[in-house]
Amino acid sequence: MKNIVLLCLLFLTPLVNTIAQKAIFHKSHEPEKQTASFSDVVEVNGLLFLSGQIGINHANRTLVSGGIKAETKQAIENIKEVLEQHNLTLDQVVKCTVILRDINDFKAFDEIYKSYFTKKPARTTFAASGLAFDAKIEIEVIAAMH
């Protein structure tokens, strides 16, 4: 077993190093986020990995009012804005991860979500008790550039 692990490491290490060398860490298009401790977008091998977006209005840096539907719509609009900076659309999203503060909001969230993601990317949805800004939802996506 030990030899198999060493053999895997021998073959995988160059692959991981190559991927890491090809990663592009894009700066945010938002001036307020230029000094953030994370990248809005990391590009690797034709895929864009977007950091999670919540229902915050970036013009005034406050969470939108109106509950889960309003926050879902704003989070997706924020994703669209980031994608547009890279000449992409929601149609190029291949994977979504959705974090809800309350799983009971699933039906209301999904109503808004499916009106935006008509290509039906793969999705994982779960609930967590604490999100930034006390948001009701956070969505992160992976988009294919080609």
C-alpha atoms as a PDB file:
ATOM      1  CA  MET A   1       0.000   0.000   0.000  1.00  0.00           C
ATOM      2  CA  LYS A   2       2.833   2.370   0.894  1.00  0.00           C
ATOM      3  CA  ASN A   3       4.390   1.823  -2.548  1.00  0.00           C
ATOM      4  CA  ILE A   4       1.090   2.643  -4.253  1.00  0.00           C
ATOM      5  CA  VAL A   5       0.819   5.894  -2.324  1.00  0.00           C
ATOM      6  CA  LEU A   6       4.406   6.832  -3.208  1.00  0.00           C
ATOM      7  CA  LEU A   7       3.781   5.948  -6.850  1.00  0.00           C
ATOM      8  CA  CYS A   8       0.632   8.109  -6.898  1.00  0.00           C
ATOM      9  CA  LEU A   9       2.536  10.994  -5.341  1.00  0.00           C
ATOM     10  CA  LEU A  10       5.295  10.585  -7.902  1.00  0.00           C
ATOM     11  CA  PHE A  11       2.826  10.934 -10.778  1.00  0.00           C
ATOM     12  CA  LEU A  12       0.410  13.448  -9.226  1.00  0.00           C
ATOM     13  CA  THR A  13       2.930  15.962  -7.861  1.00  0.00           C
ATOM     14  CA  PRO A  14       4.010  17.240 -11.314  1.00  0.00           C
ATOM     15  CA  LEU A  15       0.351  17.478 -12.368  1.00  0.00           C
ATOM     16  CA  VAL A  16      -0.610  19.478  -9.278  1.00  0.00           C
ATOM     17  CA  ASN A  17       2.434  21.725  -9.723  1.00  0.00           C
ATOM     18  CA  THR A  18       1.550  22.348 -13.382  1.00  0.00           C
ATOM     19  CA  ILE A  19      -2.029  23.275 -12.490  1.00  0.00           C
ATOM     20  CA  ALA A  20      -0.832  25.589  -9.699  1.00  0.00           C
ATOM     21  CA  GLN A  21       1.601  27.302 -12.068  1.00  0.00           C
ATOM     22  CA  LYS A  22      -1.180  27.884 -14.593  1.00  0.00           C
ATOM     23  CA  ALA A  23      -3.580  29.376 -12.053  1.00  0.00           C
ATOM     24  CA  ILE A  24      -4.385  33.054 -12.603  1.00  0.00           C
ATOM     25  CA  PHE A  25      -5.632  34.938  -9.561  1.00  0.00           C
ATOM     26  CA  HIS A  26      -7.735  37.802 -10.921  1.00  0.00           C
ATOM     27  CA  LYS A  27      -8.144  41.045  -9.022  1.00  0.00           C
ATOM     28  CA  SER A  28     -11.664  42.152  -8.244  1.00  0.00           C
ATOM     29  CA  HIS A  29     -13.329  44.720 -10.466  1.00  0.00           C
ATOM     30  CA  GLU A  30     -14.629  46.328  -7.274  1.00  0.00           C
ATOM     31  CA  PRO A  31     -12.239  48.845  -5.684  1.00  0.00           C
ATOM     32  CA  GLU A  32     -13.468  47.978  -2.157  1.00  0.00           C
ATOM     33  CA  LYS A  33     -12.351  44.375  -2.628  1.00  0.00           C
ATOM     34  CA  GLN A  34      -8.844  45.065  -3.962  1.00  0.00           C
ATOM     35  CA  THR A  35      -7.334  44.361  -0.544  1.00  0.00           C
ATOM     36  CA  ALA A  36      -9.562  41.394   0.329  1.00  0.00           C
ATOM     37  CA  SER A  37      -7.918  38.205   1.563  1.00  0.00           C
ATOM     38  CA  PHE A  38      -9.347  36.214  -1.365  1.00  0.00           C
ATOM     39  CA  SER A  39      -9.717  36.438  -5.136  1.00  0.00           C
ATOM     40  CA  ASP A  40     -13.085  37.033  -6.768  1.00  0.00           C
ATOM     41  CA  VAL A  41     -12.011  34.713  -9.573  1.00  0.00           C
ATOM     42  CA  VAL A  42      -9.286  32.121 -10.043  1.00  0.00           C
ATOM     43  CA  GLU A  43      -8.752  30.822 -13.568  1.00  0.00           C
ATOM     44  CA  VAL A  44      -7.363  27.327 -14.138  1.00  0.00           C
ATOM     45  CA  ASN A  45      -7.315  25.391 -17.413  1.00  0.00           C
ATOM     46  CA  GLY A  46     -10.276  27.143 -18.993  1.00  0.00           C
ATOM     47  CA  LEU A  47     -12.387  27.180 -15.836  1.00  0.00           C
ATOM     48  CA  LEU A  48     -13.255  30.184 -13.696  1.00  0.00           C
ATOM     49  CA  PHE A  49     -13.770  29.508 -10.002  1.00  0.00           C
ATOM     50  CA  LEU A  50     -15.791  32.372  -8.512  1.00  0.00           C
ATOM     51  CA  SER A  51     -15.845  33.168  -4.832  1.00  0.00           C
ATOM     52  CA  GLY A  52     -19.243  33.056  -3.186  1.00  0.00           C
ATOM     53  CA  GLN A  53     -21.633  35.952  -3.669  1.00  0.00           C
ATOM     54  CA  ILE A  54     -24.309  37.053  -1.247  1.00  0.00           C
ATOM     55  CA  GLY A  55     -27.228  39.422  -1.793  1.00  0.00           C
ATOM     56  CA  ILE A  56     -25.216  42.548  -1.135  1.00  0.00           C
ATOM     57  CA  ASN A  57     -25.717  45.699  -3.144  1.00  0.00           C
ATOM     58  CA  HIS A  58     -22.148  46.583  -4.094  1.00  0.00           C
ATOM     59  CA  ALA A  59     -23.025  50.250  -4.637  1.00  0.00           C
ATOM     60  CA  ASN A  60     -23.734  50.816  -0.941  1.00  0.00           C
ATOM     61  CA  ARG A  61     -22.212  47.600   0.540  1.00  0.00           C
ATOM     62  CA  THR A  62     -25.454  46.624   2.293  1.00  0.00           C
ATOM     63  CA  LEU A  63     -27.572  43.498   2.147  1.00  0.00           C
ATOM     64  CA  VAL A  64     -30.705  43.986   0.050  1.00  0.00           C
ATOM     65  CA  SER A  65     -34.017  43.882   1.875  1.00  0.00           C
ATOM     66  CA  GLY A  66     -36.920  41.647   0.925  1.00  0.00           C
ATOM     67  CA  GLY A  67     -35.893  38.231   2.185  1.00  0.00           C
ATOM     68  CA  ILE A  68     -34.597  35.140   0.450  1.00  0.00           C
ATOM     69  CA  LYS A  69     -35.999  35.942  -3.016  1.00  0.00           C
ATOM     70  CA  ALA A  70     -34.477  39.432  -3.100  1.00  0.00           C
ATOM     71  CA  GLU A  71     -31.147  38.166  -1.768  1.00  0.00           C
ATOM     72  CA  THR A  72     -31.083  35.294  -4.264  1.00  0.00           C
ATOM     73  CA  LYS A  73     -31.731  37.659  -7.150  1.00  0.00           C
ATOM     74  CA  GLN A  74     -29.010  40.076  -5.976  1.00  0.00           C
ATOM     75  CA  ALA A  75     -26.480  37.263  -5.416  1.00  0.00           C
ATOM     76  CA  ILE A  76     -27.052  35.999  -8.956  1.00  0.00           C
ATOM     77  CA  GLU A  77     -26.843  39.527 -10.368  1.00  0.00           C
ATOM     78  CA  ASN A  78     -23.500  39.865  -8.568  1.00  0.00           C
ATOM     79  CA  ILE A  79     -22.337  36.605 -10.162  1.00  0.00           C
ATOM     80  CA  LYS A  80     -23.438  37.887 -13.576  1.00  0.00           C
ATOM     81  CA  GLU A  81     -21.418  41.062 -13.014  1.00  0.00           C
ATOM     82  CA  VAL A  82     -18.258  39.113 -12.178  1.00  0.00           C
ATOM     83  CA  LEU A  83     -18.739  36.810 -15.179  1.00  0.00           C
ATOM     84  CA  GLU A  84     -19.253  39.807 -17.482  1.00  0.00           C
ATOM     85  CA  GLN A  85     -15.813  41.091 -16.442  1.00  0.00           C
ATOM     86  CA  HIS A  86     -14.470  37.938 -18.118  1.00  0.00           C
ATOM     87  CA  ASN A  87     -16.817  38.044 -21.126  1.00  0.00           C
ATOM     88  CA  LEU A  88     -18.924  35.168 -19.835  1.00  0.00           C
ATOM     89  CA  THR A  89     -22.598  34.662 -19.036  1.00  0.00           C
ATOM     90  CA  LEU A  90     -24.618  32.470 -16.712  1.00  0.00           C
ATOM     91  CA  ASP A  91     -24.988  30.019 -19.615  1.00  0.00           C
ATOM     92  CA  GLN A  92     -21.319  29.096 -19.133  1.00  0.00           C
ATOM     93  CA  VAL A  93     -21.778  28.154 -15.483  1.00  0.00           C
ATOM     94  CA  VAL A  94     -21.264  24.414 -15.073  1.00  0.00           C
ATOM     95  CA  LYS A  95     -21.468  24.054 -11.270  1.00  0.00           C
ATOM     96  CA  CYS A  96     -23.173  25.974  -8.461  1.00  0.00           C
ATOM     97  CA  THR A  97     -22.775  25.572  -4.745  1.00  0.00           C
ATOM     98  CA  VAL A  98     -25.596  27.157  -2.784  1.00  0.00           C
ATOM     99  CA  ILE A  99     -25.514  27.753   0.963  1.00  0.00           C
ATOM    100  CA  LEU A 100     -28.810  28.678   2.603  1.00  0.00           C
ATOM    101  CA  ARG A 101     -29.085  29.970   6.151  1.00  0.00           C
ATOM    102  CA  ASP A 102     -32.390  28.116   6.454  1.00  0.00           C
ATOM    103  CA  ILE A 103     -33.128  25.013   4.374  1.00  0.00           C
ATOM    104  CA  ASN A 104     -36.821  25.922   4.606  1.00  0.00           C
ATOM    105  CA  ASP A 105     -36.037  28.743   2.134  1.00  0.00           C
ATOM    106  CA  PHE A 106     -35.208  26.181  -0.560  1.00  0.00           C
ATOM    107  CA  LYS A 107     -38.465  26.454  -2.515  1.00  0.00           C
ATOM    108  CA  ALA A 108     -38.405  30.274  -2.619  1.00  0.00           C
ATOM    109  CA  PHE A 109     -34.699  30.318  -3.563  1.00  0.00           C
ATOM    110  CA  ASP A 110     -35.203  27.702  -6.288  1.00  0.00           C
ATOM    111  CA  GLU A 111     -38.029  29.707  -7.858  1.00  0.00           C
ATOM    112  CA  ILE A 112     -35.638  32.607  -8.504  1.00  0.00           C
ATOM    113  CA  TYR A 113     -32.608  30.417  -9.263  1.00  0.00           C
ATOM    114  CA  LYS A 114     -34.244  28.466 -12.085  1.00  0.00           C
ATOM    115  CA  SER A 115     -35.292  31.669 -13.847  1.00  0.00           C
ATOM    116  CA  TYR A 116     -31.609  32.593 -14.182  1.00  0.00           C
ATOM    117  CA  PHE A 117     -29.873  29.237 -14.666  1.00  0.00           C
ATOM    118  CA  THR A 118     -31.818  27.890 -17.629  1.00  0.00           C
ATOM    119  CA  LYS A 119     -28.993  25.550 -18.722  1.00  0.00           C
ATOM    120  CA  LYS A 120     -29.336  23.685 -15.407  1.00  0.00           C
ATOM    121  CA  PRO A 121     -25.721  23.475 -14.197  1.00  0.00           C
ATOM    122  CA  ALA A 122     -24.803  20.839 -11.627  1.00  0.00           C
ATOM    123  CA  ARG A 123     -25.692  22.066  -8.144  1.00  0.00           C
ATOM    124  CA  THR A 124     -25.110  21.328  -4.490  1.00  0.00           C
ATOM    125  CA  THR A 125     -27.365  23.001  -1.924  1.00  0.00           C
ATOM    126  CA  PHE A 126     -27.053  22.866   1.838  1.00  0.00           C
ATOM    127  CA  ALA A 127     -27.818  24.938   4.924  1.00  0.00           C
ATOM    128  CA  ALA A 128     -25.357  26.582   7.318  1.00  0.00           C
ATOM    129  CA  SER A 129     -26.083  28.651  10.380  1.00  0.00           C
ATOM    130  CA  GLY A 130     -23.835  31.650   9.735  1.00  0.00           C
ATOM    131  CA  LEU A 131     -23.117  33.558   6.531  1.00  0.00           C
ATOM    132  CA  ALA A 132     -21.273  36.868   6.036  1.00  0.00           C
ATOM    133  CA  PHE A 133     -23.368  40.006   6.674  1.00  0.00           C
ATOM    134  CA  ASP A 134     -25.996  37.687   8.215  1.00  0.00           C
ATOM    135  CA  ALA A 135     -27.059  36.822   4.659  1.00  0.00           C
ATOM    136  CA  LYS A 136     -29.767  34.271   3.920  1.00  0.00           C
ATOM    137  CA  ILE A 137     -27.892  32.823   0.918  1.00  0.00           C
ATOM    138  CA  GLU A 138     -24.452  32.525  -0.639  1.00  0.00           C
ATOM    139  CA  ILE A 139     -23.804  31.141  -4.112  1.00  0.00           C
ATOM    140  CA  GLU A 140     -20.491  30.207  -5.680  1.00  0.00           C
ATOM    141  CA  VAL A 141     -20.025  28.996  -9.229  1.00  0.00           C
ATOM    142  CA  ILE A 142     -17.588  27.427 -11.632  1.00  0.00           C
ATOM    143  CA  ALA A 143     -17.814  28.582 -15.248  1.00  0.00           C
ATOM    144  CA  ALA A 144     -16.266  27.094 -18.395  1.00  0.00           C
ATOM    145  CA  MET A 145     -14.571  29.624 -20.635  1.00  0.00           C
ATOM    146  CA  HIS A 146     -15.024  27.611 -23.836  1.00  0.00           C
END
